[in-house]
C-alpha atoms as a PDB file:
ATOM      1  CA  UNK A   1     172.550 145.222  65.549  1.00  0.00           C
ATOM      2  CA  UNK A   2     169.167 145.455  64.308  1.00  0.00           C
ATOM      3  CA  UNK A   3     169.611 142.937  61.530  1.00  0.00           C
ATOM      4  CA  UNK A   4     169.409 145.863  59.240  1.00  0.00           C
ATOM      5  CA  UNK A   5     168.108 145.377  55.739  1.00  0.00           C
ATOM      6  CA  UNK A   6     170.559 146.499  53.092  1.00  0.00           C
ATOM      7  CA  UNK A   7     167.617 147.893  51.115  1.00  0.00           C
ATOM      8  CA  UNK A   8     167.640 151.705  50.694  1.00  0.00           C
ATOM      9  CA  UNK A   9     163.903 151.660  51.326  1.00  0.00           C
ATOM     10  CA  UNK A  10     164.364 150.968  55.022  1.00  0.00           C
ATOM     11  CA  UNK A  11     164.428 154.733  55.659  1.00  0.00           C
ATOM     12  CA  UNK A  12     160.622 154.693  55.582  1.00  0.00           C
ATOM     13  CA  UNK A  13     160.369 152.345  58.566  1.00  0.00           C
ATOM     14  CA  UNK A  14     157.887 153.237  61.234  1.00  0.00           C
ATOM     15  CA  UNK A  15     155.460 155.316  59.171  1.00  0.00           C
ATOM     16  CA  UNK A  16     152.958 152.490  58.979  1.00  0.00           C
ATOM     17  CA  UNK A  17     153.265 151.914  62.721  1.00  0.00           C
ATOM     18  CA  UNK A  18     152.531 155.493  63.689  1.00  0.00           C
ATOM     19  CA  UNK A  19     149.367 155.420  61.594  1.00  0.00           C
ATOM     20  CA  UNK A  20     147.767 152.884  63.932  1.00  0.00           C
ATOM     21  CA  UNK A  21     144.590 154.127  65.651  1.00  0.00           C
ATOM     22  CA  UNK A  22     145.031 155.015  69.315  1.00  0.00           C
ATOM     23  CA  UNK A  23     142.415 152.436  70.298  1.00  0.00           C
ATOM     24  CA  UNK A  24     144.453 149.659  68.713  1.00  0.00           C
ATOM     25  CA  UNK A  25     147.654 150.849  70.360  1.00  0.00           C
ATOM     26  CA  UNK A  26     145.993 150.902  73.774  1.00  0.00           C
ATOM     27  CA  UNK A  27     144.749 147.358  73.223  1.00  0.00           C
ATOM     28  CA  UNK A  28     148.339 146.268  72.650  1.00  0.00           C
ATOM     29  CA  UNK A  29     149.775 147.711  75.857  1.00  0.00           C
ATOM     30  CA  UNK A  30     151.396 144.931  77.973  1.00  0.00           C
ATOM     31  CA  UNK A  31     149.188 143.895  80.859  1.00  0.00           C
ATOM     32  CA  UNK A  32     145.923 143.998  78.895  1.00  0.00           C
ATOM     33  CA  UNK A  33     144.054 140.981  77.565  1.00  0.00           C
ATOM     34  CA  UNK A  34     145.317 141.729  74.044  1.00  0.00           C
ATOM     35  CA  UNK A  35     148.932 142.331  75.038  1.00  0.00           C
ATOM     36  CA  UNK A  36     150.403 139.543  72.922  1.00  0.00           C
ATOM     37  CA  UNK A  37     149.414 139.290  69.274  1.00  0.00           C
ATOM     38  CA  UNK A  38     149.381 136.111  67.264  1.00  0.00           C
ATOM     39  CA  UNK A  39     152.285 135.746  64.832  1.00  0.00           C
ATOM     40  CA  UNK A  40     151.787 137.093  61.341  1.00  0.00           C
ATOM     41  CA  UNK A  41     150.915 134.579  58.630  1.00  0.00           C
ATOM     42  CA  UNK A  42     153.836 132.522  57.326  1.00  0.00           C
ATOM     43  CA  UNK A  43     153.651 129.451  55.096  1.00  0.00           C
ATOM     44  CA  UNK A  44     155.895 126.790  53.631  1.00  0.00           C
ATOM     45  CA  UNK A  45     159.102 125.843  55.450  1.00  0.00           C
ATOM     46  CA  UNK A  46     158.471 127.403  58.855  1.00  0.00           C
ATOM     47  CA  UNK A  47     160.097 124.995  61.337  1.00  0.00           C
ATOM     48  CA  UNK A  48     162.881 127.053  62.943  1.00  0.00           C
ATOM     49  CA  UNK A  49     164.869 127.751  66.103  1.00  0.00           C
ATOM     50  CA  UNK A  50     166.628 131.073  66.842  1.00  0.00           C
ATOM     51  CA  UNK A  51     165.875 132.737  63.492  1.00  0.00           C
ATOM     52  CA  UNK A  52     167.805 135.716  62.108  1.00  0.00           C
ATOM     53  CA  UNK A  53     166.649 137.419  58.938  1.00  0.00           C
ATOM     54  CA  UNK A  54     167.783 140.119  56.531  1.00  0.00           C
ATOM     55  CA  UNK A  55     166.279 141.724  53.429  1.00  0.00           C
ATOM     56  CA  UNK A  56     168.602 142.137  50.491  1.00  0.00           C
ATOM     57  CA  UNK A  57     168.665 145.103  48.109  1.00  0.00           C
ATOM     58  CA  UNK A  58     166.648 143.002  45.633  1.00  0.00           C
ATOM     59  CA  UNK A  59     163.876 142.527  48.206  1.00  0.00           C
ATOM     60  CA  UNK A  60     164.674 138.895  48.964  1.00  0.00           C
ATOM     61  CA  UNK A  61     164.534 137.729  52.580  1.00  0.00           C
ATOM     62  CA  UNK A  62     167.351 135.489  53.783  1.00  0.00           C
ATOM     63  CA  UNK A  63     166.731 133.621  57.022  1.00  0.00           C
ATOM     64  CA  UNK A  64     169.199 131.475  58.937  1.00  0.00           C
ATOM     65  CA  UNK A  65     168.484 129.464  62.066  1.00  0.00           C
ATOM     66  CA  UNK A  66     169.849 126.853  64.459  1.00  0.00           C
ATOM     67  CA  UNK A  67     170.295 123.485  62.820  1.00  0.00           C
ATOM     68  CA  UNK A  68     173.245 121.411  61.643  1.00  0.00           C
ATOM     69  CA  UNK A  69     175.566 123.751  59.777  1.00  0.00           C
ATOM     70  CA  UNK A  70     173.033 126.593  60.216  1.00  0.00           C
ATOM     71  CA  UNK A  71     169.860 126.003  58.246  1.00  0.00           C
ATOM     72  CA  UNK A  72     168.697 128.453  55.585  1.00  0.00           C
ATOM     73  CA  UNK A  73     165.308 129.602  54.313  1.00  0.00           C
ATOM     74  CA  UNK A  74     164.290 132.251  51.828  1.00  0.00           C
ATOM     75  CA  UNK A  75     161.200 134.291  50.981  1.00  0.00           C
ATOM     76  CA  UNK A  76     160.232 136.880  48.411  1.00  0.00           C
ATOM     77  CA  UNK A  77     157.322 138.303  50.373  1.00  0.00           C
ATOM     78  CA  UNK A  78     157.933 137.595  54.098  1.00  0.00           C
ATOM     79  CA  UNK A  79     155.055 135.100  54.056  1.00  0.00           C
ATOM     80  CA  UNK A  80     155.960 132.069  51.942  1.00  0.00           C
ATOM     81  CA  UNK A  81     159.292 130.528  52.986  1.00  0.00           C
ATOM     82  CA  UNK A  82     161.239 127.863  51.148  1.00  0.00           C
ATOM     83  CA  UNK A  83     163.971 125.646  52.571  1.00  0.00           C
ATOM     84  CA  UNK A  84     167.534 125.925  51.339  1.00  0.00           C
ATOM     85  CA  UNK A  85     170.869 124.275  52.002  1.00  0.00           C
ATOM     86  CA  UNK A  86     172.960 124.697  55.144  1.00  0.00           C
ATOM     87  CA  UNK A  87     175.149 127.788  55.320  1.00  0.00           C
ATOM     88  CA  UNK A  88     178.359 125.746  55.172  1.00  0.00           C
ATOM     89  CA  UNK A  89     179.156 123.109  52.577  1.00  0.00           C
ATOM     90  CA  UNK A  90     181.703 121.755  55.053  1.00  0.00           C
ATOM     91  CA  UNK A  91     181.653 122.455  58.773  1.00  0.00           C
ATOM     92  CA  UNK A  92     184.754 124.380  59.887  1.00  0.00           C
ATOM     93  CA  UNK A  93     187.283 122.065  61.509  1.00  0.00           C
ATOM     94  CA  UNK A  94     187.605 124.110  64.696  1.00  0.00           C
ATOM     95  CA  UNK A  95     183.988 123.317  65.634  1.00  0.00           C
ATOM     96  CA  UNK A  96     185.039 119.853  66.784  1.00  0.00           C
ATOM     97  CA  UNK A  97     186.762 121.387  69.798  1.00  0.00           C
ATOM     98  CA  UNK A  98     183.370 122.504  71.099  1.00  0.00           C
ATOM     99  CA  UNK A  99     180.529 120.610  69.411  1.00  0.00           C
ATOM    100  CA  UNK A 100     179.321 119.262  66.068  1.00  0.00           C
ATOM    101  CA  UNK A 101     176.554 121.769  65.432  1.00  0.00           C
ATOM    102  CA  UNK A 102     176.154 125.545  65.384  1.00  0.00           C
ATOM    103  CA  UNK A 103     173.455 127.598  67.098  1.00  0.00           C
ATOM    104  CA  UNK A 104     171.782 130.966  67.109  1.00  0.00           C
ATOM    105  CA  UNK A 105     173.152 132.709  63.996  1.00  0.00           C
ATOM    106  CA  UNK A 106     173.115 136.491  63.567  1.00  0.00           C
ATOM    107  CA  UNK A 107     173.183 137.895  60.027  1.00  0.00           C
ATOM    108  CA  UNK A 108     173.923 141.503  59.071  1.00  0.00           C
ATOM    109  CA  UNK A 109     175.258 143.507  56.148  1.00  0.00           C
ATOM    110  CA  UNK A 110     178.092 146.012  56.563  1.00  0.00           C
ATOM    111  CA  UNK A 111     180.824 147.343  54.321  1.00  0.00           C
ATOM    112  CA  UNK A 112     179.576 145.554  51.227  1.00  0.00           C
ATOM    113  CA  UNK A 113     179.523 142.084  52.752  1.00  0.00           C
ATOM    114  CA  UNK A 114     177.314 139.858  54.844  1.00  0.00           C
ATOM    115  CA  UNK A 115     178.490 138.794  58.294  1.00  0.00           C
ATOM    116  CA  UNK A 116     177.177 135.890  60.292  1.00  0.00           C
ATOM    117  CA  UNK A 117     178.113 135.391  63.919  1.00  0.00           C
ATOM    118  CA  UNK A 118     177.044 132.132  65.545  1.00  0.00           C
ATOM    119  CA  UNK A 119     177.709 129.852  68.507  1.00  0.00           C
ATOM    120  CA  UNK A 120     179.202 126.369  68.796  1.00  0.00           C
ATOM    121  CA  UNK A 121     178.358 124.562  72.029  1.00  0.00           C
ATOM    122  CA  UNK A 122     176.399 121.752  73.647  1.00  0.00           C
ATOM    123  CA  UNK A 123     173.175 122.091  75.585  1.00  0.00           C
ATOM    124  CA  UNK A 124     173.687 123.160  79.201  1.00  0.00           C
ATOM    125  CA  UNK A 125     177.459 123.669  78.861  1.00  0.00           C
ATOM    126  CA  UNK A 126     179.459 126.898  78.869  1.00  0.00           C
ATOM    127  CA  UNK A 127     182.405 125.351  77.070  1.00  0.00           C
ATOM    128  CA  UNK A 128     181.435 127.401  74.056  1.00  0.00           C
ATOM    129  CA  UNK A 129     182.738 129.520  71.202  1.00  0.00           C
ATOM    130  CA  UNK A 130     181.456 132.312  69.016  1.00  0.00           C
ATOM    131  CA  UNK A 131     182.395 132.077  65.350  1.00  0.00           C
ATOM    132  CA  UNK A 132     182.235 134.417  62.362  1.00  0.00           C
ATOM    133  CA  UNK A 133     181.677 133.818  58.663  1.00  0.00           C
ATOM    134  CA  UNK A 134     181.494 136.341  55.821  1.00  0.00           C
ATOM    135  CA  UNK A 135     179.941 136.264  52.371  1.00  0.00           C
ATOM    136  CA  UNK A 136     179.510 138.482  49.311  1.00  0.00           C
ATOM    137  CA  UNK A 137     175.981 137.164  48.665  1.00  0.00           C
ATOM    138  CA  UNK A 138     174.662 135.797  51.967  1.00  0.00           C
ATOM    139  CA  UNK A 139     173.652 132.570  50.237  1.00  0.00           C
ATOM    140  CA  UNK A 140     174.337 128.998  51.412  1.00  0.00           C
ATOM    141  CA  UNK A 141     177.690 127.674  50.301  1.00  0.00           C
ATOM    142  CA  UNK A 142     179.161 131.160  49.907  1.00  0.00           C
ATOM    143  CA  UNK A 143     180.216 131.656  53.527  1.00  0.00           C
ATOM    144  CA  UNK A 144     183.899 131.951  54.325  1.00  0.00           C
ATOM    145  CA  UNK A 145     184.966 130.836  57.800  1.00  0.00           C
ATOM    146  CA  UNK A 146     186.727 133.584  59.769  1.00  0.00           C
ATOM    147  CA  UNK A 147     187.354 131.406  62.811  1.00  0.00           C
ATOM    148  CA  UNK A 148     186.801 131.902  66.518  1.00  0.00           C
ATOM    149  CA  UNK A 149     185.736 135.295  67.859  1.00  0.00           C
ATOM    150  CA  UNK A 150     185.318 134.670  71.588  1.00  0.00           C
ATOM    151  CA  UNK A 151     185.167 131.696  73.942  1.00  0.00           C
ATOM    152  CA  UNK A 152     184.091 130.588  77.383  1.00  0.00           C
ATOM    153  CA  UNK A 153     185.204 127.577  79.418  1.00  0.00           C
ATOM    154  CA  UNK A 154     183.738 125.520  82.235  1.00  0.00           C
ATOM    155  CA  UNK A 155     185.556 127.817  84.683  1.00  0.00           C
ATOM    156  CA  UNK A 156     183.994 130.976  83.159  1.00  0.00           C
ATOM    157  CA  UNK A 157     181.089 132.763  84.837  1.00  0.00           C
ATOM    158  CA  UNK A 158     179.476 133.437  81.436  1.00  0.00           C
ATOM    159  CA  UNK A 159     178.529 131.471  78.311  1.00  0.00           C
ATOM    160  CA  UNK A 160     179.749 132.510  74.859  1.00  0.00           C
ATOM    161  CA  UNK A 161     176.649 131.746  72.805  1.00  0.00           C
ATOM    162  CA  UNK A 162     173.793 133.705  71.177  1.00  0.00           C
ATOM    163  CA  UNK A 163     175.808 136.533  69.538  1.00  0.00           C
ATOM    164  CA  UNK A 164     174.304 139.752  68.184  1.00  0.00           C
ATOM    165  CA  UNK A 165     176.219 142.475  66.331  1.00  0.00           C
ATOM    166  CA  UNK A 166     175.214 146.097  66.874  1.00  0.00           C
ATOM    167  CA  UNK A 167     176.764 148.955  64.875  1.00  0.00           C
ATOM    168  CA  UNK A 168     176.274 152.350  66.505  1.00  0.00           C
ATOM    169  CA  UNK A 169     175.710 155.675  64.782  1.00  0.00           C
ATOM    170  CA  UNK A 170     179.329 156.630  65.496  1.00  0.00           C
ATOM    171  CA  UNK A 171     180.580 153.593  63.592  1.00  0.00           C
ATOM    172  CA  UNK A 172     181.603 151.575  66.660  1.00  0.00           C
ATOM    173  CA  UNK A 173     180.852 147.853  66.538  1.00  0.00           C
ATOM    174  CA  UNK A 174     179.627 145.888  69.563  1.00  0.00           C
ATOM    175  CA  UNK A 175     178.840 142.203  70.082  1.00  0.00           C
ATOM    176  CA  UNK A 176     176.415 141.112  72.769  1.00  0.00           C
ATOM    177  CA  UNK A 177     176.109 137.463  73.764  1.00  0.00           C
ATOM    178  CA  UNK A 178     175.314 135.241  76.693  1.00  0.00           C
ATOM    179  CA  UNK A 179     173.135 132.592  78.223  1.00  0.00           C
ATOM    180  CA  UNK A 180     172.380 131.811  81.888  1.00  0.00           C
ATOM    181  CA  UNK A 181     175.383 131.902  84.300  1.00  0.00           C
ATOM    182  CA  UNK A 182     175.972 135.633  85.017  1.00  0.00           C
ATOM    183  CA  UNK A 183     173.913 136.713  82.022  1.00  0.00           C
ATOM    184  CA  UNK A 184     174.366 138.905  78.968  1.00  0.00           C
ATOM    185  CA  UNK A 185     177.769 140.351  78.067  1.00  0.00           C
ATOM    186  CA  UNK A 186     178.986 142.964  75.594  1.00  0.00           C
ATOM    187  CA  UNK A 187     182.376 143.416  73.927  1.00  0.00           C
ATOM    188  CA  UNK A 188     183.780 145.950  71.476  1.00  0.00           C
ATOM    189  CA  UNK A 189     184.492 144.664  67.955  1.00  0.00           C
ATOM    190  CA  UNK A 190     187.102 145.797  65.431  1.00  0.00           C
ATOM    191  CA  UNK A 191     185.249 146.463  62.143  1.00  0.00           C
ATOM    192  CA  UNK A 192     188.325 145.522  60.128  1.00  0.00           C
ATOM    193  CA  UNK A 193     188.484 141.996  61.544  1.00  0.00           C
ATOM    194  CA  UNK A 194     185.082 141.271  63.079  1.00  0.00           C
ATOM    195  CA  UNK A 195     186.954 140.155  66.205  1.00  0.00           C
ATOM    196  CA  UNK A 196     187.378 141.828  69.590  1.00  0.00           C
ATOM    197  CA  UNK A 197     189.055 145.246  69.468  1.00  0.00           C
ATOM    198  CA  UNK A 198     192.556 144.915  70.898  1.00  0.00           C
ATOM    199  CA  UNK A 199     192.468 148.369  72.490  1.00  0.00           C
ATOM    200  CA  UNK A 200     189.308 147.609  74.488  1.00  0.00           C
ATOM    201  CA  UNK A 201     189.069 144.114  75.935  1.00  0.00           C
ATOM    202  CA  UNK A 202     186.470 144.972  78.581  1.00  0.00           C
ATOM    203  CA  UNK A 203     183.620 142.480  78.909  1.00  0.00           C
ATOM    204  CA  UNK A 204     180.620 144.528  80.014  1.00  0.00           C
ATOM    205  CA  UNK A 205     177.696 142.965  81.898  1.00  0.00           C
ATOM    206  CA  UNK A 206     174.366 144.320  80.655  1.00  0.00           C
ATOM    207  CA  UNK A 207     171.677 141.872  81.891  1.00  0.00           C
ATOM    208  CA  UNK A 208     171.526 139.169  84.538  1.00  0.00           C
ATOM    209  CA  UNK A 209     169.314 137.429  87.056  1.00  0.00           C
ATOM    210  CA  UNK A 210     171.325 137.414  90.281  1.00  0.00           C
ATOM    211  CA  UNK A 211     168.530 135.853  92.338  1.00  0.00           C
ATOM    212  CA  UNK A 212     166.395 132.878  91.447  1.00  0.00           C
ATOM    213  CA  UNK A 213     166.787 131.336  88.008  1.00  0.00           C
ATOM    214  CA  UNK A 214     169.718 132.451  85.859  1.00  0.00           C
ATOM    215  CA  UNK A 215     167.602 132.091  82.727  1.00  0.00           C
ATOM    216  CA  UNK A 216     168.339 135.045  80.462  1.00  0.00           C
ATOM    217  CA  UNK A 217     169.901 134.710  77.013  1.00  0.00           C
ATOM    218  CA  UNK A 218     169.719 135.594  73.310  1.00  0.00           C
ATOM    219  CA  UNK A 219     170.348 139.368  73.345  1.00  0.00           C
ATOM    220  CA  UNK A 220     169.464 141.763  70.539  1.00  0.00           C
ATOM    221  CA  UNK A 221     170.363 145.471  70.683  1.00  0.00           C
ATOM    222  CA  UNK A 222     168.819 148.232  68.575  1.00  0.00           C
ATOM    223  CA  UNK A 223     168.806 152.019  68.813  1.00  0.00           C
ATOM    224  CA  UNK A 224     165.570 153.944  68.389  1.00  0.00           C
ATOM    225  CA  UNK A 225     164.671 157.515  69.293  1.00  0.00           C
ATOM    226  CA  UNK A 226     167.872 158.225  71.205  1.00  0.00           C
ATOM    227  CA  UNK A 227     167.673 155.104  73.375  1.00  0.00           C
ATOM    228  CA  UNK A 228     169.424 151.761  73.144  1.00  0.00           C
ATOM    229  CA  UNK A 229     167.051 148.822  73.574  1.00  0.00           C
ATOM    230  CA  UNK A 230     168.171 145.413  74.776  1.00  0.00           C
ATOM    231  CA  UNK A 231     165.841 142.512  73.943  1.00  0.00           C
ATOM    232  CA  UNK A 232     166.485 139.156  75.612  1.00  0.00           C
ATOM    233  CA  UNK A 233     164.816 135.762  76.016  1.00  0.00           C
ATOM    234  CA  UNK A 234     163.926 134.711  79.562  1.00  0.00           C
ATOM    235  CA  UNK A 235     163.179 131.370  81.213  1.00  0.00           C
ATOM    236  CA  UNK A 236     163.168 127.900  79.630  1.00  0.00           C
ATOM    237  CA  UNK A 237     163.625 127.188  75.941  1.00  0.00           C
ATOM    238  CA  UNK A 238     163.482 124.031  73.914  1.00  0.00           C
ATOM    239  CA  UNK A 239     160.912 122.000  75.877  1.00  0.00           C
ATOM    240  CA  UNK A 240     158.093 122.037  73.339  1.00  0.00           C
ATOM    241  CA  UNK A 241     154.744 122.730  74.958  1.00  0.00           C
ATOM    242  CA  UNK A 242     156.521 122.832  78.333  1.00  0.00           C
ATOM    243  CA  UNK A 243     158.648 125.823  77.313  1.00  0.00           C
ATOM    244  CA  UNK A 244     158.326 128.993  79.380  1.00  0.00           C
ATOM    245  CA  UNK A 245     160.396 131.214  77.084  1.00  0.00           C
ATOM    246  CA  UNK A 246     159.387 134.862  76.750  1.00  0.00           C
ATOM    247  CA  UNK A 247     160.894 138.068  75.317  1.00  0.00           C
ATOM    248  CA  UNK A 248     161.600 141.105  77.511  1.00  0.00           C
ATOM    249  CA  UNK A 249     163.241 144.467  76.873  1.00  0.00           C
ATOM    250  CA  UNK A 250     165.001 147.303  78.674  1.00  0.00           C
ATOM    251  CA  UNK A 251     166.495 150.567  77.480  1.00  0.00           C
ATOM    252  CA  UNK A 252     169.545 152.718  78.173  1.00  0.00           C
ATOM    253  CA  UNK A 253     171.093 156.017  77.145  1.00  0.00           C
ATOM    254  CA  UNK A 254     174.411 154.324  76.303  1.00  0.00           C
ATOM    255  CA  UNK A 255     175.132 151.021  74.597  1.00  0.00           C
ATOM    256  CA  UNK A 256     177.000 149.615  77.614  1.00  0.00           C
ATOM    257  CA  UNK A 257     174.025 150.362  79.887  1.00  0.00           C
ATOM    258  CA  UNK A 258     172.705 150.412  82.470  1.00  0.00           C
ATOM    259  CA  UNK A 259     169.491 149.101  80.908  1.00  0.00           C
ATOM    260  CA  UNK A 260     166.238 149.575  82.801  1.00  0.00           C
ATOM    261  CA  UNK A 261     162.751 148.249  82.200  1.00  0.00           C
ATOM    262  CA  UNK A 262     159.577 150.323  82.070  1.00  0.00           C
ATOM    263  CA  UNK A 263     159.295 150.191  85.872  1.00  0.00           C
ATOM    264  CA  UNK A 264     162.868 151.376  86.415  1.00  0.00           C
ATOM    265  CA  UNK A 265     164.234 147.953  87.394  1.00  0.00           C
ATOM    266  CA  UNK A 266     167.746 147.291  86.114  1.00  0.00           C
ATOM    267  CA  UNK A 267     168.196 144.426  83.684  1.00  0.00           C
ATOM    268  CA  UNK A 268     171.196 143.414  85.774  1.00  0.00           C
ATOM    269  CA  UNK A 269     168.768 142.867  88.655  1.00  0.00           C
ATOM    270  CA  UNK A 270     166.062 140.649  87.136  1.00  0.00           C
ATOM    271  CA  UNK A 271     164.465 143.534  85.209  1.00  0.00           C
ATOM    272  CA  UNK A 272     162.738 143.414  81.834  1.00  0.00           C
ATOM    273  CA  UNK A 273     159.457 144.633  80.336  1.00  0.00           C
ATOM    274  CA  UNK A 274     157.513 141.874  78.516  1.00  0.00           C
ATOM    275  CA  UNK A 275     157.246 142.053  74.729  1.00  0.00           C
ATOM    276  CA  UNK A 276     156.000 138.540  73.902  1.00  0.00           C
ATOM    277  CA  UNK A 277     154.813 135.716  76.152  1.00  0.00           C
ATOM    278  CA  UNK A 278     152.923 132.453  75.724  1.00  0.00           C
ATOM    279  CA  UNK A 279     149.276 132.777  74.766  1.00  0.00           C
ATOM    280  CA  UNK A 280     146.908 130.232  73.284  1.00  0.00           C
ATOM    281  CA  UNK A 281     148.643 127.822  70.915  1.00  0.00           C
ATOM    282  CA  UNK A 282     151.740 130.073  70.730  1.00  0.00           C
ATOM    283  CA  UNK A 283     153.990 128.735  73.478  1.00  0.00           C
ATOM    284  CA  UNK A 284     157.423 129.959  74.574  1.00  0.00           C
ATOM    285  CA  UNK A 285     158.212 132.740  72.077  1.00  0.00           C
ATOM    286  CA  UNK A 286     161.891 133.683  72.047  1.00  0.00           C
ATOM    287  CA  UNK A 287     165.244 133.340  70.314  1.00  0.00           C
ATOM    288  CA  UNK A 288     164.383 136.695  68.770  1.00  0.00           C
ATOM    289  CA  UNK A 289     166.074 139.026  66.334  1.00  0.00           C
ATOM    290  CA  UNK A 290     165.058 142.496  65.164  1.00  0.00           C
ATOM    291  CA  UNK A 291     164.927 143.502  61.494  1.00  0.00           C
ATOM    292  CA  UNK A 292     164.440 147.075  60.275  1.00  0.00           C
ATOM    293  CA  UNK A 293     162.285 146.469  57.204  1.00  0.00           C
ATOM    294  CA  UNK A 294     160.716 148.888  54.711  1.00  0.00           C
ATOM    295  CA  UNK A 295     157.346 148.929  56.510  1.00  0.00           C
ATOM    296  CA  UNK A 296     158.649 149.001  60.073  1.00  0.00           C
ATOM    297  CA  UNK A 297     160.678 147.032  62.576  1.00  0.00           C
ATOM    298  CA  UNK A 298     160.054 143.306  62.799  1.00  0.00           C
ATOM    299  CA  UNK A 299     160.595 140.939  65.689  1.00  0.00           C
ATOM    300  CA  UNK A 300     161.493 137.524  64.270  1.00  0.00           C
ATOM    301  CA  UNK A 301     161.373 134.586  66.694  1.00  0.00           C
ATOM    302  CA  UNK A 302     160.401 130.989  67.243  1.00  0.00           C
ATOM    303  CA  UNK A 303     157.523 129.598  69.278  1.00  0.00           C
ATOM    304  CA  UNK A 304     156.207 126.113  70.007  1.00  0.00           C
ATOM    305  CA  UNK A 305     152.917 125.203  68.366  1.00  0.00           C
ATOM    306  CA  UNK A 306     150.480 123.884  70.965  1.00  0.00           C
ATOM    307  CA  UNK A 307     148.300 122.505  68.173  1.00  0.00           C
ATOM    308  CA  UNK A 308     151.163 120.590  66.546  1.00  0.00           C
ATOM    309  CA  UNK A 309     152.828 118.692  69.411  1.00  0.00           C
ATOM    310  CA  UNK A 310     155.094 121.623  70.282  1.00  0.00           C
ATOM    311  CA  UNK A 311     156.790 121.901  66.879  1.00  0.00           C
ATOM    312  CA  UNK A 312     159.041 124.999  66.773  1.00  0.00           C
ATOM    313  CA  UNK A 313     157.648 127.497  64.276  1.00  0.00           C
ATOM    314  CA  UNK A 314     158.606 130.850  62.794  1.00  0.00           C
ATOM    315  CA  UNK A 315     156.930 133.917  64.288  1.00  0.00           C
ATOM    316  CA  UNK A 316     157.045 137.416  62.778  1.00  0.00           C
ATOM    317  CA  UNK A 317     155.390 140.552  64.146  1.00  0.00           C
ATOM    318  CA  UNK A 318     155.765 144.283  63.601  1.00  0.00           C
ATOM    319  CA  UNK A 319     156.835 146.548  66.456  1.00  0.00           C
ATOM    320  CA  UNK A 320     155.308 149.906  67.343  1.00  0.00           C
ATOM    321  CA  UNK A 321     157.612 152.395  69.117  1.00  0.00           C
ATOM    322  CA  UNK A 322     155.248 155.331  69.573  1.00  0.00           C
ATOM    323  CA  UNK A 323     155.163 154.987  73.371  1.00  0.00           C
ATOM    324  CA  UNK A 324     158.958 154.873  73.622  1.00  0.00           C
ATOM    325  CA  UNK A 325     158.770 151.125  74.217  1.00  0.00           C
ATOM    326  CA  UNK A 326     158.403 148.365  71.612  1.00  0.00           C
ATOM    327  CA  UNK A 327     154.910 146.888  71.363  1.00  0.00           C
ATOM    328  CA  UNK A 328     154.367 143.862  69.113  1.00  0.00           C
ATOM    329  CA  UNK A 329     151.304 143.788  66.881  1.00  0.00           C
END
C-alpha cells in the first residue's frame, strides 16, 4: 500500500512537488553531490526502527514501529512526536511460537477500519510469522488480534517478515513481504479476511539478489502515474554506525512485476535505483514506508545518528515524481 492517509485532502498530493524549480530538481538527481537530502526536522520522541505512519481524518499522525508489542508515537504536525503506549495491552498468545516481540508494522485504513500487519521472528531466523490486527481508531490498546496471516519455516527459501499491504485501483489486495533468503515475495489477500485469498495461493517473487549478498528486505509498493513502484531496503541493518542500509526502487507495469530499475536491471537480478543512502551523520537509512499526505508523498524511515552513537532516529522526506522516478528532497 502506500500507507494512505484517510484524510480527504490527500487528493491534492504532488502539487507542491511539481512546483519545485528545475534547478533544485536537477540537484536532487541520484548520482550528484546533492542526491541524498537530510531528513526533515522532527522533535520529541524520535527513536524508532521500521516506522509506519498514517494521517487520520482529524489530521493526527499515528506512527507505529518495531519495539516490544509495537511501539506507538503521535504527532499533530509531522514535526513534534510524542511517545504512546504499545499497540497491544497483552501480546497475542500465538507469538510465543515464534518470538516474544513484533517487528516492522504496516498500518493502513480500508473499509472503515485500521489494519496493522506485522512480523514475529528472531534476528537472522526465517522461522517467522506475519500477523494482523484491526482497530476502529488506530490507537494503542484498541487493536484486535486477527491471528496468523502467513508463515515461513527453517526449511523455507523465504522469510515471512516485513509485510506491506497494497490495495490496487481495481480493489484487489496484495501483501508483499520478505527479508534475505530468496528475497521479496507477494501474495494475494482476501479483503474480507485480511488473509491470503483461497482462490489464488501463488507466492510471487518480485525482488532478489541471486548473486553476492542476499540482503534485500522491507518492501513497500505504491502506484503512481500508471506504474507500480517497489521500494526495498538493501544491505545491513541494525548495526548502528556500522549499518550499510539503503533504500532502492524499481517499477513495473503490473503489480506482480517484473520490476526494473532506472537502468533496466530487474529487481530479481540485483537491480534497484537508489533513493536514500548514507551521507554525513545520517547512516543506514531504511525500513521505509510511503505515506500519501496532503502536501505530497512522504518516505518515512529510520537512520542511525552518527553524532549520537548510532541511535536509530526517525527520518521523513517528501518525494518528487516528476521524472517518473521518486526523488527524495
